[in-house]
């Protein structure tokens, strides 16, 4: 699985856990909803700046964002 897909899956999982729509998360993070869709589907290469914006909107630290088995190297 590519890093892009892993990041997208992590965002999708966190967003769903909070019960947020893509539109609401995009508004909170000040990013375009269609961009968020592409990220969640692993089709867009997200910048660390936008990961930070999404983390802030999800009220999660970068450390906690990447502290998931999804990012294990095994």
C-alpha atoms as a PDB file:
ATOM      1  CA  UNK A   1       0.000   0.000   0.000  1.00  0.00           C
ATOM      2  CA  UNK A   2       1.379   3.413  -0.932  1.00  0.00           C
ATOM      3  CA  UNK A   3       1.987   6.182   1.600  1.00  0.00           C
ATOM      4  CA  UNK A   4      -0.652   8.294  -0.161  1.00  0.00           C
ATOM      5  CA  UNK A   5      -3.250   5.576   0.316  1.00  0.00           C
ATOM      6  CA  UNK A   6      -2.262   5.042   3.963  1.00  0.00           C
ATOM      7  CA  UNK A   7      -2.626   8.748   4.758  1.00  0.00           C
ATOM      8  CA  UNK A   8      -5.977   8.856   2.983  1.00  0.00           C
ATOM      9  CA  UNK A   9      -7.278   5.826   4.849  1.00  0.00           C
ATOM     10  CA  UNK A  10      -6.138   7.318   8.163  1.00  0.00           C
ATOM     11  CA  UNK A  11      -7.948  10.604   7.481  1.00  0.00           C
ATOM     12  CA  UNK A  12     -11.089   8.748   6.388  1.00  0.00           C
ATOM     13  CA  UNK A  13     -11.063   6.594   9.532  1.00  0.00           C
ATOM     14  CA  UNK A  14     -10.560   9.571  11.867  1.00  0.00           C
ATOM     15  CA  UNK A  15     -13.203  11.621  10.061  1.00  0.00           C
ATOM     16  CA  UNK A  16     -15.738   8.810  10.293  1.00  0.00           C
ATOM     17  CA  UNK A  17     -14.957   8.280  13.990  1.00  0.00           C
ATOM     18  CA  UNK A  18     -15.912  11.911  14.594  1.00  0.00           C
ATOM     19  CA  UNK A  19     -19.019  11.667  12.423  1.00  0.00           C
ATOM     20  CA  UNK A  20     -17.843  14.420  10.096  1.00  0.00           C
ATOM     21  CA  UNK A  21     -18.754  14.654   6.442  1.00  0.00           C
ATOM     22  CA  UNK A  22     -16.034  15.413   3.931  1.00  0.00           C
ATOM     23  CA  UNK A  23     -17.568  18.837   3.461  1.00  0.00           C
ATOM     24  CA  UNK A  24     -17.484  19.656   7.193  1.00  0.00           C
ATOM     25  CA  UNK A  25     -13.889  18.483   7.585  1.00  0.00           C
ATOM     26  CA  UNK A  26     -12.819  20.396   4.488  1.00  0.00           C
ATOM     27  CA  UNK A  27     -14.435  23.566   5.840  1.00  0.00           C
ATOM     28  CA  UNK A  28     -12.803  23.133   9.268  1.00  0.00           C
ATOM     29  CA  UNK A  29      -9.407  22.500   7.651  1.00  0.00           C
ATOM     30  CA  UNK A  30      -9.812  25.281   5.060  1.00  0.00           C
ATOM     31  CA  UNK A  31      -9.206  22.953   2.124  1.00  0.00           C
ATOM     32  CA  UNK A  32     -11.330  22.098  -0.910  1.00  0.00           C
ATOM     33  CA  UNK A  33     -13.741  19.174  -0.495  1.00  0.00           C
ATOM     34  CA  UNK A  34     -12.793  17.661  -3.849  1.00  0.00           C
ATOM     35  CA  UNK A  35      -9.126  17.797  -2.814  1.00  0.00           C
ATOM     36  CA  UNK A  36     -10.014  15.953   0.407  1.00  0.00           C
ATOM     37  CA  UNK A  37     -11.868  13.322  -1.624  1.00  0.00           C
ATOM     38  CA  UNK A  38      -8.768  12.767  -3.744  1.00  0.00           C
ATOM     39  CA  UNK A  39      -6.585  12.502  -0.647  1.00  0.00           C
ATOM     40  CA  UNK A  40      -8.884   9.999   1.048  1.00  0.00           C
ATOM     41  CA  UNK A  41      -8.917   7.899  -2.124  1.00  0.00           C
ATOM     42  CA  UNK A  42      -5.115   7.962  -2.354  1.00  0.00           C
ATOM     43  CA  UNK A  43      -5.187   9.854  -5.634  1.00  0.00           C
ATOM     44  CA  UNK A  44      -3.714  13.148  -4.384  1.00  0.00           C
ATOM     45  CA  UNK A  45      -0.248  13.655  -2.940  1.00  0.00           C
ATOM     46  CA  UNK A  46      -0.978  15.674   0.195  1.00  0.00           C
ATOM     47  CA  UNK A  47       1.563  18.118   1.609  1.00  0.00           C
ATOM     48  CA  UNK A  48       2.612  18.102   5.244  1.00  0.00           C
ATOM     49  CA  UNK A  49       1.084  21.583   5.500  1.00  0.00           C
ATOM     50  CA  UNK A  50      -2.330  20.169   4.581  1.00  0.00           C
ATOM     51  CA  UNK A  51      -1.863  17.186   6.882  1.00  0.00           C
ATOM     52  CA  UNK A  52      -1.277  19.708   9.680  1.00  0.00           C
ATOM     53  CA  UNK A  53      -4.468  21.577   8.753  1.00  0.00           C
ATOM     54  CA  UNK A  54      -6.473  18.362   8.758  1.00  0.00           C
ATOM     55  CA  UNK A  55      -4.970  17.261  12.072  1.00  0.00           C
ATOM     56  CA  UNK A  56      -5.892  20.586  13.621  1.00  0.00           C
ATOM     57  CA  UNK A  57      -9.452  20.252  12.296  1.00  0.00           C
ATOM     58  CA  UNK A  58      -9.627  16.697  13.682  1.00  0.00           C
ATOM     59  CA  UNK A  59      -8.109  17.903  16.979  1.00  0.00           C
ATOM     60  CA  UNK A  60      -5.289  15.366  16.801  1.00  0.00           C
ATOM     61  CA  UNK A  61      -1.522  15.864  16.928  1.00  0.00           C
ATOM     62  CA  UNK A  62       0.733  14.866  14.055  1.00  0.00           C
ATOM     63  CA  UNK A  63       2.320  12.341  16.398  1.00  0.00           C
ATOM     64  CA  UNK A  64      -1.046  10.730  17.096  1.00  0.00           C
ATOM     65  CA  UNK A  65      -1.998  10.879  13.417  1.00  0.00           C
ATOM     66  CA  UNK A  66       1.021   8.800  12.403  1.00  0.00           C
ATOM     67  CA  UNK A  67       0.974   6.619  15.545  1.00  0.00           C
ATOM     68  CA  UNK A  68      -1.172   3.935  13.938  1.00  0.00           C
ATOM     69  CA  UNK A  69      -0.479   0.368  12.808  1.00  0.00           C
ATOM     70  CA  UNK A  70      -1.325   1.489   9.291  1.00  0.00           C
ATOM     71  CA  UNK A  71       2.108   3.160   9.149  1.00  0.00           C
ATOM     72  CA  UNK A  72       4.101   0.145  10.378  1.00  0.00           C
ATOM     73  CA  UNK A  73       6.854  -0.858   7.987  1.00  0.00           C
ATOM     74  CA  UNK A  74       6.067  -4.569   8.242  1.00  0.00           C
END
